[in-house]
Amino acid sequence: ALIHKTVRVKPQLYFSKVSS
């Protein structure tokens, strides 16, 4: 899914969203 792609391209952004 998109989440996997995002975490691969920008893991920092993904973690930031999860943390929020």
C-alpha atoms as a PDB file:
ATOM      1  CA  ALA A   1       0.000   0.000   0.000  1.00  0.00           C
ATOM      2  CA  LEU A   2       0.943   3.674   0.011  1.00  0.00           C
ATOM      3  CA  ILE A   3       2.146   3.549   3.595  1.00  0.00           C
ATOM      4  CA  HIS A   4       4.825   1.011   2.696  1.00  0.00           C
ATOM      5  CA  LYS A   5       5.982   3.175  -0.183  1.00  0.00           C
ATOM      6  CA  THR A   6       6.116   6.263   2.004  1.00  0.00           C
ATOM      7  CA  VAL A   7       8.023   4.558   4.791  1.00  0.00           C
ATOM      8  CA  ARG A   8      10.513   3.363   2.200  1.00  0.00           C
ATOM      9  CA  VAL A   9      10.908   6.759   0.526  1.00  0.00           C
ATOM     10  CA  LYS A  10      10.750   8.866   3.704  1.00  0.00           C
ATOM     11  CA  PRO A  11      10.816   6.762   6.881  1.00  0.00           C
ATOM     12  CA  GLN A  12      11.209   9.885   9.012  1.00  0.00           C
ATOM     13  CA  LEU A  13       7.950  11.340   7.718  1.00  0.00           C
ATOM     14  CA  TYR A  14       6.170   8.047   8.295  1.00  0.00           C
ATOM     15  CA  PHE A  15       7.382   7.769  11.877  1.00  0.00           C
ATOM     16  CA  SER A  16       6.421  11.380  12.470  1.00  0.00           C
ATOM     17  CA  LYS A  17       2.864  10.634  11.389  1.00  0.00           C
ATOM     18  CA  VAL A  18       2.668   7.529  13.563  1.00  0.00           C
ATOM     19  CA  SER A  19       4.016   9.459  16.533  1.00  0.00           C
ATOM     20  CA  SER A  20       1.473  12.227  16.099  1.00  0.00           C
END
